[in-house]
Each structure stands twice: as structure tokens, then as C-alpha cells.
Amino acid sequence: MTTTQWSAETTTPGQYADVNGVHLYYETHGTGRPMILLHGGLGSGEMFGPILPTLAEHHQVVAVDLQGHGRTADVDRPLDVTLMADDVAALIDHLGLTKPDVVGFSLGGGVALQVAIRHPEKVGRVVSASANIRRSAIYPEMLQQQGQVSGAAAEFMKDTPMYELYQRVAPRPEDFPRLLDKIGAAMAKDFDFTEEVRGLRVPTLVVAADADMAPPSHYVEVFNLLGGGLRDGGWAGEGRPAGGHALAILPGLTHYNLVDSPLFAAVTLAFLSEAN
């Protein structure tokens, strides 16, 4: 998920938590209601560099490097959103946090949804951005590109922000081809979380760019599964989804720059501020 504004510079020293056999890296920024922040595939917490100060003005932000990404070394298991969700839940316990909000983008958005599905008692609100709940929703040309991701592509990625960041911060920089192999295998696997999302009880904001990896209709479909977009909202909001869910399609953005956008920060903060 490319962006030109990532930064590996940080003024906040990170820490590690040993959870589920993973030496999980995280950084804490700001004060206030806790927010777990989850990056996209081939990235790390630095993906949020442009908007992190805004988020940290209002929340204690715990930015996590997921398995095999950033400063978290890989372990001998697949890259799977359900397993990474369990890691996040274990981190919440490790840090002694009481129902933090969970905000994720792309891969991290999928992990955030799974935290809410698998561990609803541990989280307050969820923001899931640019995350697809069915593989078949992704544009065919994107599926074709994803099918070409493997360790063999490492040489061709040496001029990308993903490669540069990984080389700077990864505990084992030589593992980049291994990460590509695992990401490629994960993206090739079919998935459909329709029924799990239908049963979601954690208030969730579904976010997407208006030119994302899947059509806007897919994110509307997710909102529909949560009881949204099925009736008039009413003068007092009485027709809104009973679970407190919401939808934001952000204009003028793509899958590749949504994470940098002040609009993403704004809708995230607005939704989280509604928490009791």
C-alpha cells in the first residue's frame, strides 16, 4: 500500500510485548482514551506518520507493527488476520487496557474487524478502513496483480517506500522476500467474512476511498450487513443502525493515499468521540 510520506523517524521509543509467540513491537503516543492503530500490508506504524499527531492530540495511540512487519520479526505461522487479531487482543490484556478503540487500514482494517468479531468484550469502537470482507469484491485487475506478489519480486521493489522502510527498521532485513511470499500466499487465499460481519456487535465505522481497491458498493454492502442504509435515518437518528455503526466514503482518495488524509483522521476522531 504505497505512500510517499512514510517516515521511520520517531521521537517515541517503542516497546515489545511477547504475545502468542510473537515479539510484538508497539509505540505509544499521546494521552486520552486508548486507541490501537493497525497499519496496512508491507507497512508498519510509520504509515500513519502524516496523521499520527492529530490522532495523538485526542487519544493515547498504541501503534502496533503486526507479525512480520516493521520492527516485529516474523514467526513460523501464516499471515492470517484472525491470528493477528488474537495478537492484538493479547496485547490489550498485556497492557491492561480497558476496551480501547481499534483503528486499522487495509490489512490492519481486516485485523481490526476480526478483533471485534473474535474479542468483542475487549474493544470499545472499531474503525475499519479499506478492508474487504470478500476476496471476490476486489477488482479483477487487482487480484491479478496480487497473484504476482512473491519473494521473487523483492528485487523489483527496491525503490519502493515499503522496501526502504523494511530495510531501515526490520530486525532481520533479509526477510523481505519471505514477507512477500507470505503476503502473496495470504492474498491468494479465498475468504468471505459476510456472516461474521453480520453478527458484529461492536460499533464499527466502515471507511473507504471513493476509488479504493473494491468498488464503493462493497463498503455499502458491509454497512448493509450491519443494519445501515436500509431505511431513512429519521429526524432524531432513530432509523440509524441499532448497533451504532456508520459509513464514510472519502472523496478524491485512493487505497494508496487514504491513510495520509486529514479526512481519514477527521472521520475517525468524530466517530470515536461518540463513545459513551
Protein backbone atom coordinates (compact mmCIF):
# COMPACT_ATOMS: atom_id res chain seq x y z
CA MET A 1 0.00 0.00 0.00
CA THR A 2 2.29 2.70 -1.26
CA THR A 3 2.68 6.20 0.01
CA THR A 4 5.50 8.70 -0.33
CA GLN A 5 5.18 10.17 3.15
CA TRP A 6 6.19 7.31 5.37
CA SER A 7 8.87 8.06 7.93
CA ALA A 8 10.99 5.73 10.00
CA GLU A 9 11.91 8.59 12.31
CA THR A 10 10.24 8.58 15.71
CA THR A 11 10.75 10.53 18.90
CA THR A 12 8.90 7.93 20.94
CA PRO A 13 10.87 4.84 21.92
CA GLY A 14 8.99 1.66 21.19
CA GLN A 15 8.50 -1.40 23.33
CA TYR A 16 7.92 -5.10 22.82
CA ALA A 17 5.28 -7.43 24.18
CA ASP A 18 5.65 -11.19 23.97
CA VAL A 19 2.21 -12.46 22.94
CA ASN A 20 1.22 -15.73 21.25
CA GLY A 21 4.85 -16.47 20.42
CA VAL A 22 5.29 -13.10 18.67
CA HIS A 23 7.75 -10.43 19.88
CA LEU A 24 5.27 -7.67 19.04
CA TYR A 25 6.53 -4.10 18.64
CA TYR A 26 4.40 -1.10 19.59
CA GLU A 27 4.79 2.61 20.25
CA THR A 28 2.62 4.78 22.47
CA HIS A 29 1.82 8.39 21.54
CA GLY A 30 -0.34 10.99 23.26
CA THR A 31 -2.81 10.69 26.11
CA GLY A 32 -6.53 10.09 26.45
CA ARG A 33 -8.85 7.24 25.56
CA PRO A 34 -6.68 4.37 24.25
CA MET A 35 -6.65 3.63 20.51
CA ILE A 36 -4.91 0.62 18.95
CA LEU A 37 -3.67 1.64 15.48
CA LEU A 38 -3.02 -1.05 12.85
CA HIS A 39 -1.16 -0.48 9.58
CA GLY A 40 -1.58 -1.91 6.09
CA GLY A 41 0.25 -4.77 4.40
CA LEU A 42 4.01 -4.35 3.82
CA GLY A 43 3.95 -1.29 6.07
CA SER A 44 4.30 -0.51 9.75
CA GLY A 45 3.12 2.09 12.22
CA GLU A 46 5.06 4.69 10.24
CA MET A 47 2.32 4.55 7.59
CA PHE A 48 0.30 6.86 9.85
CA GLY A 49 3.08 9.44 10.16
CA PRO A 50 1.14 12.29 8.48
CA ILE A 51 -1.95 11.92 10.70
CA LEU A 52 -0.48 10.44 13.90
CA PRO A 53 -0.01 13.85 15.60
CA THR A 54 -3.69 14.66 15.01
CA LEU A 55 -4.82 11.33 16.43
CA ALA A 56 -2.48 11.64 19.41
CA GLU A 57 -3.93 15.05 20.30
CA HIS A 58 -7.11 13.25 21.32
CA HIS A 59 -6.10 9.67 22.18
CA GLN A 60 -3.40 7.54 23.68
CA VAL A 61 -2.39 5.90 20.41
CA VAL A 62 -0.77 2.46 20.55
CA ALA A 63 0.69 1.92 17.06
CA VAL A 64 1.44 -1.77 16.51
CA ASP A 65 3.75 -3.44 13.99
CA LEU A 66 1.91 -6.64 13.04
CA GLN A 67 3.57 -10.04 12.57
CA GLY A 68 6.46 -9.91 10.11
CA HIS A 69 6.09 -6.15 9.55
CA GLY A 70 8.23 -3.22 10.63
CA ARG A 71 10.07 -3.93 13.85
CA THR A 72 8.16 -7.16 14.58
CA ALA A 73 10.04 -10.19 13.30
CA ASP A 74 8.16 -12.96 11.54
CA VAL A 75 7.34 -16.28 13.20
CA ASP A 76 6.58 -19.73 11.86
CA ARG A 77 2.90 -19.34 11.06
CA PRO A 78 0.90 -17.90 8.15
CA LEU A 79 0.00 -14.23 7.88
CA ASP A 80 -3.65 -14.53 8.85
CA VAL A 81 -5.96 -11.75 10.02
CA THR A 82 -7.57 -13.99 12.64
CA LEU A 83 -4.23 -14.89 14.20
CA MET A 84 -3.08 -11.26 14.16
CA ALA A 85 -6.38 -10.25 15.76
CA ASP A 86 -5.63 -12.67 18.58
CA ASP A 87 -2.22 -10.99 18.94
CA VAL A 88 -3.90 -7.60 19.30
CA ALA A 89 -6.33 -8.97 21.87
CA ALA A 90 -3.40 -10.42 23.83
CA LEU A 91 -1.62 -7.05 23.62
CA ILE A 92 -4.70 -5.33 25.05
CA ASP A 93 -4.53 -7.72 28.01
CA HIS A 94 -0.75 -7.28 28.31
CA LEU A 95 -1.13 -3.50 28.52
CA GLY A 96 -4.09 -3.70 30.90
CA LEU A 97 -6.25 -1.55 28.63
CA THR A 98 -9.99 -1.32 29.24
CA LYS A 99 -11.94 -1.56 25.98
CA PRO A 100 -9.66 0.52 23.75
CA ASP A 101 -10.85 1.56 20.32
CA VAL A 102 -9.21 -0.25 17.39
CA VAL A 103 -8.44 1.58 14.15
CA GLY A 104 -6.97 -0.22 11.14
CA PHE A 105 -6.21 0.37 7.47
CA SER A 106 -6.20 -2.26 4.71
CA LEU A 107 -4.62 -5.37 6.27
CA GLY A 108 -4.95 -3.61 9.62
CA GLY A 109 -8.60 -2.85 8.85
CA GLY A 110 -9.22 -6.54 8.36
CA VAL A 111 -7.43 -7.32 11.62
CA ALA A 112 -9.48 -4.64 13.42
CA LEU A 113 -12.71 -6.26 12.20
CA GLN A 114 -11.50 -9.65 13.42
CA VAL A 115 -10.67 -8.26 16.85
CA ALA A 116 -14.26 -7.03 17.08
CA ILE A 117 -15.63 -10.36 15.80
CA ARG A 118 -13.43 -12.62 17.93
CA HIS A 119 -12.94 -10.50 21.07
CA PRO A 120 -15.90 -8.10 21.30
CA GLU A 121 -15.62 -7.82 25.06
CA LYS A 122 -12.13 -6.33 24.79
CA VAL A 123 -12.82 -3.35 22.48
CA GLY A 124 -14.88 -0.17 22.53
CA ARG A 125 -15.30 1.04 18.94
CA VAL A 126 -13.73 -0.06 15.67
CA VAL A 127 -12.72 1.86 12.54
CA SER A 128 -12.04 -0.42 9.58
CA ALA A 129 -10.67 1.41 6.54
CA SER A 130 -10.17 -0.02 3.04
CA ALA A 131 -10.74 -3.59 4.24
CA ASN A 132 -12.66 -6.06 2.11
CA ILE A 133 -14.76 -8.82 3.62
CA ARG A 134 -14.86 -10.95 0.45
CA ARG A 135 -11.95 -11.63 -1.88
CA SER A 136 -14.32 -11.63 -4.84
CA ALA A 137 -15.17 -7.96 -4.18
CA ILE A 138 -11.68 -6.86 -5.21
CA TYR A 139 -11.32 -5.61 -8.80
CA PRO A 140 -10.13 -8.42 -11.12
CA GLU A 141 -7.05 -6.49 -12.26
CA MET A 142 -6.04 -6.05 -8.62
CA LEU A 143 -6.44 -9.77 -7.96
CA GLN A 144 -4.17 -10.38 -10.93
CA GLN A 145 -1.54 -8.03 -9.51
CA GLN A 146 -1.82 -9.64 -6.08
CA GLY A 147 -1.20 -13.00 -7.70
CA GLN A 148 2.24 -11.77 -8.78
CA VAL A 149 3.39 -10.91 -5.26
CA SER A 150 6.11 -13.28 -4.10
CA GLY A 151 9.69 -13.25 -2.87
CA ALA A 152 10.82 -13.20 -6.49
CA ALA A 153 9.53 -9.61 -6.72
CA ALA A 154 11.84 -8.32 -3.97
CA GLU A 155 14.49 -7.11 -6.43
CA PHE A 156 11.91 -5.04 -8.31
CA MET A 157 10.68 -3.37 -5.12
CA LYS A 158 13.99 -1.88 -4.02
CA ASP A 159 12.91 1.64 -4.98
CA THR A 160 9.62 1.49 -3.07
CA PRO A 161 8.83 3.01 0.36
CA MET A 162 7.92 -0.47 1.62
CA TYR A 163 11.37 -1.88 0.89
CA GLU A 164 13.21 1.18 2.17
CA LEU A 165 11.30 1.20 5.45
CA TYR A 166 11.73 -2.54 5.98
CA GLN A 167 15.48 -2.29 5.43
CA ARG A 168 15.73 0.51 7.98
CA VAL A 169 13.72 -0.96 10.83
CA ALA A 170 13.22 -4.73 10.47
CA PRO A 171 15.07 -6.96 12.95
CA ARG A 172 16.04 -9.17 10.00
CA PRO A 173 16.12 -7.02 6.83
CA GLU A 174 16.98 -10.09 4.78
CA ASP A 175 13.47 -11.44 5.48
CA PHE A 176 11.78 -9.09 2.98
CA PRO A 177 11.39 -11.81 0.28
CA ARG A 178 9.88 -14.09 2.95
CA LEU A 179 7.38 -11.37 3.85
CA LEU A 180 6.43 -11.02 0.17
CA ASP A 181 5.95 -14.78 -0.10
CA LYS A 182 3.67 -14.78 2.94
CA ILE A 183 1.69 -11.73 1.83
CA GLY A 184 1.28 -13.31 -1.61
CA ALA A 185 0.03 -16.56 -0.08
CA ALA A 186 -2.41 -14.68 2.17
CA MET A 187 -3.82 -12.66 -0.74
CA ALA A 188 -4.24 -15.79 -2.87
CA LYS A 189 -6.42 -17.43 -0.23
CA ASP A 190 -10.16 -17.07 -0.72
CA PHE A 191 -12.13 -15.54 2.14
CA ASP A 192 -15.66 -14.42 2.91
CA PHE A 193 -16.49 -12.97 6.33
CA THR A 194 -20.06 -11.99 5.46
CA GLU A 195 -21.73 -13.99 8.22
CA GLU A 196 -19.18 -12.95 10.85
CA VAL A 197 -19.70 -9.27 9.98
CA ARG A 198 -23.48 -9.70 10.03
CA GLY A 199 -23.22 -10.73 13.67
CA LEU A 200 -20.87 -7.92 14.70
CA ARG A 201 -21.94 -6.17 17.90
CA VAL A 202 -19.09 -3.68 18.35
CA PRO A 203 -19.92 -0.18 16.98
CA THR A 204 -17.96 -0.02 13.72
CA LEU A 205 -17.16 2.72 11.22
CA VAL A 206 -16.59 1.36 7.70
CA VAL A 207 -14.29 3.69 5.75
CA ALA A 208 -13.19 3.57 2.11
CA ALA A 209 -11.81 5.85 -0.56
CA ASP A 210 -14.17 6.64 -3.42
CA ALA A 211 -11.58 4.97 -5.69
CA ASP A 212 -10.50 2.08 -3.48
CA MET A 213 -9.38 -1.49 -4.17
CA ALA A 214 -13.01 -2.58 -4.36
CA PRO A 215 -16.00 -0.55 -5.60
CA PRO A 216 -17.85 1.73 -3.16
CA SER A 217 -20.79 -0.65 -3.42
CA HIS A 218 -18.79 -3.25 -1.48
CA TYR A 219 -18.38 -0.98 1.52
CA VAL A 220 -22.07 -0.08 1.30
CA GLU A 221 -22.73 -3.84 1.36
CA VAL A 222 -20.71 -4.13 4.58
CA PHE A 223 -22.75 -1.25 6.05
CA ASN A 224 -25.95 -3.04 4.97
CA LEU A 225 -24.83 -6.17 6.83
CA LEU A 226 -24.51 -4.02 9.93
CA GLY A 227 -28.07 -2.74 9.52
CA GLY A 228 -27.13 0.50 7.82
CA GLY A 229 -28.51 2.08 4.65
CA LEU A 230 -31.75 0.11 4.82
CA ARG A 231 -34.15 2.90 5.82
CA ASP A 232 -34.43 6.62 6.36
CA GLY A 233 -32.37 7.74 9.33
CA GLY A 234 -35.13 9.82 10.89
CA TRP A 235 -35.12 13.35 12.32
CA ALA A 236 -33.59 12.15 15.58
CA GLY A 237 -31.48 9.39 14.06
CA GLU A 238 -33.93 6.73 15.19
CA GLY A 239 -33.57 4.95 11.85
CA ARG A 240 -29.80 4.61 12.04
CA PRO A 241 -28.25 1.17 12.66
CA ALA A 242 -29.12 -0.07 16.14
CA GLY A 243 -25.51 -1.07 16.79
CA GLY A 244 -24.11 2.43 16.36
CA HIS A 245 -22.40 1.58 13.06
CA ALA A 246 -21.52 4.17 10.41
CA LEU A 247 -20.14 4.50 6.88
CA ALA A 248 -17.73 7.03 5.34
CA ILE A 249 -16.75 7.06 1.65
CA LEU A 250 -13.99 9.66 1.42
CA PRO A 251 -13.86 11.77 -1.76
CA GLY A 252 -10.87 12.25 -4.02
CA LEU A 253 -8.81 9.46 -2.45
CA THR A 254 -7.48 6.02 -3.38
CA HIS A 255 -6.37 2.94 -1.48
CA TYR A 256 -2.85 4.33 -1.61
CA ASN A 257 -3.29 7.77 -0.04
CA LEU A 258 -6.32 7.38 2.24
CA VAL A 259 -4.04 6.61 5.17
CA ASP A 260 -2.32 10.02 4.80
CA SER A 261 -5.52 12.02 4.56
CA PRO A 262 -6.77 14.55 7.12
CA LEU A 263 -10.24 13.35 6.09
CA PHE A 264 -9.46 9.88 7.44
CA ALA A 265 -8.25 11.37 10.72
CA ALA A 266 -11.33 13.60 10.93
CA VAL A 267 -13.96 10.89 10.40
CA THR A 268 -12.08 8.54 12.74
CA LEU A 269 -11.97 11.09 15.56
CA ALA A 270 -15.59 12.10 15.02
CA PHE A 271 -16.80 8.50 15.22
CA LEU A 272 -14.70 7.66 18.27
CA SER A 273 -15.87 10.82 20.07
CA GLU A 274 -19.39 9.38 20.09
CA ALA A 275 -18.34 6.71 22.60
CA ASN A 276 -20.02 6.93 25.96
